[in-house]
Amino acid sequence: MEVSRVASPTPAQFRAVHGDMDRWQAVDFEVYEHLVENEYVVAPRPAPGDRLPPRKAPKPGSGSAPQD
């Protein structure tokens, strides 16, 4: 069985396409929730002796760091 490799939109892209949240239906909130959760998927722990991947800086505007 072949698995689809279509990239999911980011939460920001989803909001841009679907407009104001006041007009969303329940299914829109469900999809958006999964997109947000998938952005923060934790990678499995490396095995002993594995090299750790380099750390990534937080995305601008992600709320990870205070904005002045």
PDB file of N, CA and C in Angstrom:
ATOM      1  N   MET A   1       0.843  -1.175   0.000  1.00  0.00           N
ATOM      2  CA  MET A   1       0.000   0.000   0.000  1.00  0.00           C
ATOM      3  C   MET A   1       0.893   1.244   0.000  1.00  0.00           C
ATOM      4  N   GLU A   2       0.579   2.187  -0.857  1.00  0.00           N
ATOM      5  CA  GLU A   2       1.374   3.408  -0.980  1.00  0.00           C
ATOM      6  C   GLU A   2       0.863   4.478  -0.014  1.00  0.00           C
ATOM      7  N   VAL A   3       1.808   5.170   0.627  1.00  0.00           N
ATOM      8  CA  VAL A   3       1.462   6.215   1.583  1.00  0.00           C
ATOM      9  C   VAL A   3       1.569   7.570   0.899  1.00  0.00           C
ATOM     10  N   SER A   4       0.593   8.428   1.120  1.00  0.00           N
ATOM     11  CA  SER A   4       0.608   9.768   0.533  1.00  0.00           C
ATOM     12  C   SER A   4       1.676  10.623   1.202  1.00  0.00           C
ATOM     13  N   ARG A   5       2.403  11.392   0.429  1.00  0.00           N
ATOM     14  CA  ARG A   5       3.475  12.246   0.941  1.00  0.00           C
ATOM     15  C   ARG A   5       3.126  13.725   0.771  1.00  0.00           C
ATOM     16  N   VAL A   6       1.856  14.077   0.793  1.00  0.00           N
ATOM     17  CA  VAL A   6       1.438  15.466   0.636  1.00  0.00           C
ATOM     18  C   VAL A   6       1.742  16.220   1.925  1.00  0.00           C
ATOM     19  N   ALA A   7       2.389  17.368   1.796  1.00  0.00           N
ATOM     20  CA  ALA A   7       2.745  18.167   2.968  1.00  0.00           C
ATOM     21  C   ALA A   7       1.503  18.834   3.547  1.00  0.00           C
ATOM     22  N   SER A   8       1.402  18.805   4.865  1.00  0.00           N
ATOM     23  CA  SER A   8       0.297  19.474   5.540  1.00  0.00           C
ATOM     24  C   SER A   8       0.585  20.972   5.638  1.00  0.00           C
ATOM     25  N   PRO A   9      -0.445  21.787   5.631  1.00  0.00           N
ATOM     26  CA  PRO A   9      -0.204  23.220   5.811  1.00  0.00           C
ATOM     27  C   PRO A   9       0.207  23.507   7.251  1.00  0.00           C
ATOM     28  N   THR A  10       0.870  24.620   7.446  1.00  0.00           N
ATOM     29  CA  THR A  10       1.185  25.048   8.810  1.00  0.00           C
ATOM     30  C   THR A  10      -0.079  25.649   9.402  1.00  0.00           C
ATOM     31  N   PRO A  11      -0.148  25.793  10.726  1.00  0.00           N
ATOM     32  CA  PRO A  11      -1.315  26.448  11.315  1.00  0.00           C
ATOM     33  C   PRO A  11      -1.545  27.860  10.751  1.00  0.00           C
ATOM     34  N   ALA A  12      -0.470  28.602  10.499  1.00  0.00           N
ATOM     35  CA  ALA A  12      -0.613  29.952   9.943  1.00  0.00           C
ATOM     36  C   ALA A  12      -1.207  29.908   8.535  1.00  0.00           C
ATOM     37  N   GLN A  13      -0.772  28.949   7.723  1.00  0.00           N
ATOM     38  CA  GLN A  13      -1.318  28.805   6.375  1.00  0.00           C
ATOM     39  C   GLN A  13      -2.797  28.426   6.444  1.00  0.00           C
ATOM     40  N   PHE A  14      -3.140  27.549   7.365  1.00  0.00           N
ATOM     41  CA  PHE A  14      -4.539  27.137   7.524  1.00  0.00           C
ATOM     42  C   PHE A  14      -5.408  28.330   7.890  1.00  0.00           C
ATOM     43  N   ARG A  15      -4.934  29.148   8.844  1.00  0.00           N
ATOM     44  CA  ARG A  15      -5.698  30.339   9.253  1.00  0.00           C
ATOM     45  C   ARG A  15      -5.849  31.318   8.100  1.00  0.00           C
ATOM     46  N   ALA A  16      -4.799  31.483   7.302  1.00  0.00           N
ATOM     47  CA  ALA A  16      -4.846  32.410   6.171  1.00  0.00           C
ATOM     48  C   ALA A  16      -5.889  31.976   5.140  1.00  0.00           C
ATOM     49  N   VAL A  17      -5.991  30.680   4.913  1.00  0.00           N
ATOM     50  CA  VAL A  17      -6.941  30.167   3.923  1.00  0.00           C
ATOM     51  C   VAL A  17      -8.366  30.156   4.475  1.00  0.00           C
ATOM     52  N   HIS A  18      -8.532  29.806   5.745  1.00  0.00           N
ATOM     53  CA  HIS A  18      -9.869  29.626   6.317  1.00  0.00           C
ATOM     54  C   HIS A  18     -10.447  30.876   6.973  1.00  0.00           C
ATOM     55  N   GLY A  19      -9.675  31.942   7.035  1.00  0.00           N
ATOM     56  CA  GLY A  19     -10.203  33.212   7.529  1.00  0.00           C
ATOM     57  C   GLY A  19     -10.429  33.260   9.029  1.00  0.00           C
ATOM     58  N   ASP A  20     -11.330  34.149   9.414  1.00  0.00           N
ATOM     59  CA  ASP A  20     -11.608  34.442  10.813  1.00  0.00           C
ATOM     60  C   ASP A  20     -12.171  33.220  11.543  1.00  0.00           C
ATOM     61  N   MET A  21     -11.632  32.946  12.744  1.00  0.00           N
ATOM     62  CA  MET A  21     -12.072  31.780  13.523  1.00  0.00           C
ATOM     63  C   MET A  21     -13.550  31.865  13.916  1.00  0.00           C
ATOM     64  N   ASP A  22     -14.105  33.065  13.927  1.00  0.00           N
ATOM     65  CA  ASP A  22     -15.520  33.216  14.275  1.00  0.00           C
ATOM     66  C   ASP A  22     -16.424  32.511  13.271  1.00  0.00           C
ATOM     67  N   ARG A  23     -15.911  32.231  12.075  1.00  0.00           N
ATOM     68  CA  ARG A  23     -16.725  31.615  11.030  1.00  0.00           C
ATOM     69  C   ARG A  23     -16.391  30.141  10.826  1.00  0.00           C
ATOM     70  N   TRP A  24     -15.492  29.607  11.618  1.00  0.00           N
ATOM     71  CA  TRP A  24     -15.097  28.216  11.466  1.00  0.00           C
ATOM     72  C   TRP A  24     -16.193  27.280  11.946  1.00  0.00           C
ATOM     73  N   GLN A  25     -16.204  26.090  11.352  1.00  0.00           N
ATOM     74  CA  GLN A  25     -17.087  25.021  11.808  1.00  0.00           C
ATOM     75  C   GLN A  25     -16.283  24.090  12.721  1.00  0.00           C
ATOM     76  N   ALA A  26     -16.957  23.180  13.361  1.00  0.00           N
ATOM     77  CA  ALA A  26     -16.295  22.271  14.302  1.00  0.00           C
ATOM     78  C   ALA A  26     -15.159  21.499  13.630  1.00  0.00           C
ATOM     79  N   VAL A  27     -15.357  21.066  12.398  1.00  0.00           N
ATOM     80  CA  VAL A  27     -14.317  20.297  11.704  1.00  0.00           C
ATOM     81  C   VAL A  27     -13.075  21.153  11.462  1.00  0.00           C
ATOM     82  N   ASP A  28     -13.240  22.459  11.233  1.00  0.00           N
ATOM     83  CA  ASP A  28     -12.092  23.339  11.043  1.00  0.00           C
ATOM     84  C   ASP A  28     -11.240  23.393  12.314  1.00  0.00           C
ATOM     85  N   PHE A  29     -11.902  23.476  13.468  1.00  0.00           N
ATOM     86  CA  PHE A  29     -11.171  23.493  14.739  1.00  0.00           C
ATOM     87  C   PHE A  29     -10.434  22.172  14.972  1.00  0.00           C
ATOM     88  N   GLU A  30     -11.068  21.057  14.593  1.00  0.00           N
ATOM     89  CA  GLU A  30     -10.425  19.747  14.752  1.00  0.00           C
ATOM     90  C   GLU A  30      -9.157  19.661  13.900  1.00  0.00           C
ATOM     91  N   VAL A  31      -9.252  20.085  12.649  1.00  0.00           N
ATOM     92  CA  VAL A  31      -8.092  20.036  11.752  1.00  0.00           C
ATOM     93  C   VAL A  31      -6.994  20.957  12.274  1.00  0.00           C
ATOM     94  N   TYR A  32      -7.374  22.166  12.674  1.00  0.00           N
ATOM     95  CA  TYR A  32      -6.394  23.138  13.174  1.00  0.00           C
ATOM     96  C   TYR A  32      -5.684  22.597  14.417  1.00  0.00           C
ATOM     97  N   GLU A  33      -6.434  21.977  15.303  1.00  0.00           N
ATOM     98  CA  GLU A  33      -5.852  21.409  16.522  1.00  0.00           C
ATOM     99  C   GLU A  33      -4.771  20.375  16.181  1.00  0.00           C
ATOM    100  N   HIS A  34      -5.047  19.515  15.205  1.00  0.00           N
ATOM    101  CA  HIS A  34      -4.063  18.501  14.814  1.00  0.00           C
ATOM    102  C   HIS A  34      -2.833  19.139  14.167  1.00  0.00           C
ATOM    103  N   LEU A  35      -3.025  20.197  13.400  1.00  0.00           N
ATOM    104  CA  LEU A  35      -1.882  20.886  12.792  1.00  0.00           C
ATOM    105  C   LEU A  35      -0.976  21.482  13.862  1.00  0.00           C
ATOM    106  N   VAL A  36      -1.583  22.090  14.892  1.00  0.00           N
ATOM    107  CA  VAL A  36      -0.795  22.678  15.979  1.00  0.00           C
ATOM    108  C   VAL A  36      -0.066  21.584  16.747  1.00  0.00           C
ATOM    109  N   GLU A  37      -0.750  20.491  17.046  1.00  0.00           N
ATOM    110  CA  GLU A  37      -0.112  19.386  17.773  1.00  0.00           C
ATOM    111  C   GLU A  37       1.057  18.804  16.974  1.00  0.00           C
ATOM    112  N   ASN A  38       0.909  18.686  15.674  1.00  0.00           N
ATOM    113  CA  ASN A  38       1.961  18.101  14.836  1.00  0.00           C
ATOM    114  C   ASN A  38       3.181  18.995  14.736  1.00  0.00           C
ATOM    115  N   GLU A  39       3.036  20.279  14.979  1.00  0.00           N
ATOM    116  CA  GLU A  39       4.197  21.170  14.973  1.00  0.00           C
ATOM    117  C   GLU A  39       5.123  20.887  16.146  1.00  0.00           C
ATOM    118  N   TYR A  40       4.578  20.317  17.209  1.00  0.00           N
ATOM    119  CA  TYR A  40       5.344  20.109  18.430  1.00  0.00           C
ATOM    120  C   TYR A  40       5.561  18.636  18.735  1.00  0.00           C
ATOM    121  N   VAL A  41       5.663  17.813  17.696  1.00  0.00           N
ATOM    122  CA  VAL A  41       5.926  16.386  17.881  1.00  0.00           C
ATOM    123  C   VAL A  41       7.354  16.226  18.383  1.00  0.00           C
ATOM    124  N   VAL A  42       7.501  15.443  19.431  1.00  0.00           N
ATOM    125  CA  VAL A  42       8.816  15.218  20.025  1.00  0.00           C
ATOM    126  C   VAL A  42       9.465  14.025  19.346  1.00  0.00           C
ATOM    127  N   ALA A  43      10.705  14.204  18.935  1.00  0.00           N
ATOM    128  CA  ALA A  43      11.456  13.114  18.293  1.00  0.00           C
ATOM    129  C   ALA A  43      11.812  12.059  19.330  1.00  0.00           C
ATOM    130  N   PRO A  44      11.975  10.813  18.900  1.00  0.00           N
ATOM    131  CA  PRO A  44      12.363   9.761  19.852  1.00  0.00           C
ATOM    132  C   PRO A  44      13.755  10.023  20.425  1.00  0.00           C
ATOM    133  N   ARG A  45      13.988   9.529  21.623  1.00  0.00           N
ATOM    134  CA  ARG A  45      15.298   9.703  22.269  1.00  0.00           C
ATOM    135  C   ARG A  45      16.367   8.956  21.478  1.00  0.00           C
ATOM    136  N   PRO A  46      17.552   9.566  21.342  1.00  0.00           N
ATOM    137  CA  PRO A  46      18.635   8.872  20.639  1.00  0.00           C
ATOM    138  C   PRO A  46      19.160   7.709  21.487  1.00  0.00           C
ATOM    139  N   ALA A  47      19.655   6.706  20.801  1.00  0.00           N
ATOM    140  CA  ALA A  47      20.260   5.558  21.480  1.00  0.00           C
ATOM    141  C   ALA A  47      21.634   5.959  22.004  1.00  0.00           C
ATOM    142  N   PRO A  48      22.137   5.273  23.013  1.00  0.00           N
ATOM    143  CA  PRO A  48      23.484   5.586  23.508  1.00  0.00           C
ATOM    144  C   PRO A  48      24.504   5.520  22.367  1.00  0.00           C
ATOM    145  N   GLY A  49      25.340   6.545  22.274  1.00  0.00           N
ATOM    146  CA  GLY A  49      26.347   6.600  21.228  1.00  0.00           C
ATOM    147  C   GLY A  49      25.905   7.346  19.980  1.00  0.00           C
ATOM    148  N   ASP A  50      24.597   7.607  19.839  1.00  0.00           N
ATOM    149  CA  ASP A  50      24.109   8.375  18.689  1.00  0.00           C
ATOM    150  C   ASP A  50      24.501   9.837  18.824  1.00  0.00           C
ATOM    151  N   ARG A  51      24.747  10.474  17.700  1.00  0.00           N
ATOM    152  CA  ARG A  51      25.038  11.912  17.706  1.00  0.00           C
ATOM    153  C   ARG A  51      23.720  12.681  17.790  1.00  0.00           C
ATOM    154  N   LEU A  52      23.699  13.703  18.608  1.00  0.00           N
ATOM    155  CA  LEU A  52      22.502  14.522  18.743  1.00  0.00           C
ATOM    156  C   LEU A  52      22.410  15.495  17.577  1.00  0.00           C
ATOM    157  N   PRO A  53      21.199  15.738  17.065  1.00  0.00           N
ATOM    158  CA  PRO A  53      21.042  16.726  15.995  1.00  0.00           C
ATOM    159  C   PRO A  53      21.265  18.128  16.541  1.00  0.00           C
ATOM    160  N   PRO A  54      21.684  19.070  15.694  1.00  0.00           N
ATOM    161  CA  PRO A  54      21.883  20.440  16.175  1.00  0.00           C
ATOM    162  C   PRO A  54      20.555  21.045  16.614  1.00  0.00           C
ATOM    163  N   ARG A  55      20.624  21.913  17.619  1.00  0.00           N
ATOM    164  CA  ARG A  55      19.406  22.579  18.093  1.00  0.00           C
ATOM    165  C   ARG A  55      18.945  23.605  17.079  1.00  0.00           C
ATOM    166  N   LYS A  56      17.627  23.765  16.990  1.00  0.00           N
ATOM    167  CA  LYS A  56      17.054  24.747  16.072  1.00  0.00           C
ATOM    168  C   LYS A  56      16.576  25.950  16.871  1.00  0.00           C
ATOM    169  N   ALA A  57      16.769  27.140  16.309  1.00  0.00           N
ATOM    170  CA  ALA A  57      16.269  28.354  16.943  1.00  0.00           C
ATOM    171  C   ALA A  57      14.749  28.383  16.805  1.00  0.00           C
ATOM    172  N   PRO A  58      14.046  28.963  17.786  1.00  0.00           N
ATOM    173  CA  PRO A  58      12.589  29.045  17.670  1.00  0.00           C
ATOM    174  C   PRO A  58      12.190  29.913  16.482  1.00  0.00           C
ATOM    175  N   LYS A  59      11.033  29.603  15.915  1.00  0.00           N
ATOM    176  CA  LYS A  59      10.522  30.380  14.793  1.00  0.00           C
ATOM    177  C   LYS A  59      10.121  31.769  15.286  1.00  0.00           C
ATOM    178  N   PRO A  60      10.401  32.807  14.507  1.00  0.00           N
ATOM    179  CA  PRO A  60       9.985  34.160  14.920  1.00  0.00           C
ATOM    180  C   PRO A  60       8.469  34.220  15.101  1.00  0.00           C
ATOM    181  N   GLY A  61       8.056  34.844  16.187  1.00  0.00           N
ATOM    182  CA  GLY A  61       6.632  34.997  16.450  1.00  0.00           C
ATOM    183  C   GLY A  61       5.952  33.757  16.974  1.00  0.00           C
ATOM    184  N   SER A  62       6.716  32.724  17.358  1.00  0.00           N
ATOM    185  CA  SER A  62       6.105  31.485  17.833  1.00  0.00           C
ATOM    186  C   SER A  62       5.738  31.551  19.310  1.00  0.00           C
ATOM    187  N   GLY A  63       6.126  32.644  19.974  1.00  0.00           N
ATOM    188  CA  GLY A  63       5.818  32.773  21.389  1.00  0.00           C
ATOM    189  C   GLY A  63       6.851  32.112  22.267  1.00  0.00           C
ATOM    190  N   SER A  64       7.943  31.625  21.695  1.00  0.00           N
ATOM    191  CA  SER A  64       8.967  30.932  22.474  1.00  0.00           C
ATOM    192  C   SER A  64       9.878  31.882  23.236  1.00  0.00           C
ATOM    193  N   ALA A  65       9.992  33.090  22.760  1.00  0.00           N
ATOM    194  CA  ALA A  65      10.870  34.067  23.403  1.00  0.00           C
ATOM    195  C   ALA A  65      10.129  35.394  23.513  1.00  0.00           C
ATOM    196  N   PRO A  66      10.432  36.184  24.549  1.00  0.00           N
ATOM    197  CA  PRO A  66       9.757  37.478  24.680  1.00  0.00           C
ATOM    198  C   PRO A  66      10.087  38.387  23.495  1.00  0.00           C
ATOM    199  N   GLN A  67       9.088  39.081  23.019  1.00  0.00           N
ATOM    200  CA  GLN A  67       9.258  40.013  21.906  1.00  0.00           C
ATOM    201  C   GLN A  67       9.277  41.437  22.441  1.00  0.00           C
ATOM    202  N   ASP A  68      10.290  42.200  22.093  1.00  0.00           N
ATOM    203  CA  ASP A  68      10.374  43.604  22.535  1.00  0.00           C
ATOM    204  C   ASP A  68       9.738  44.521  21.538  1.00  0.00           C
TER     205      ASP A  68
END
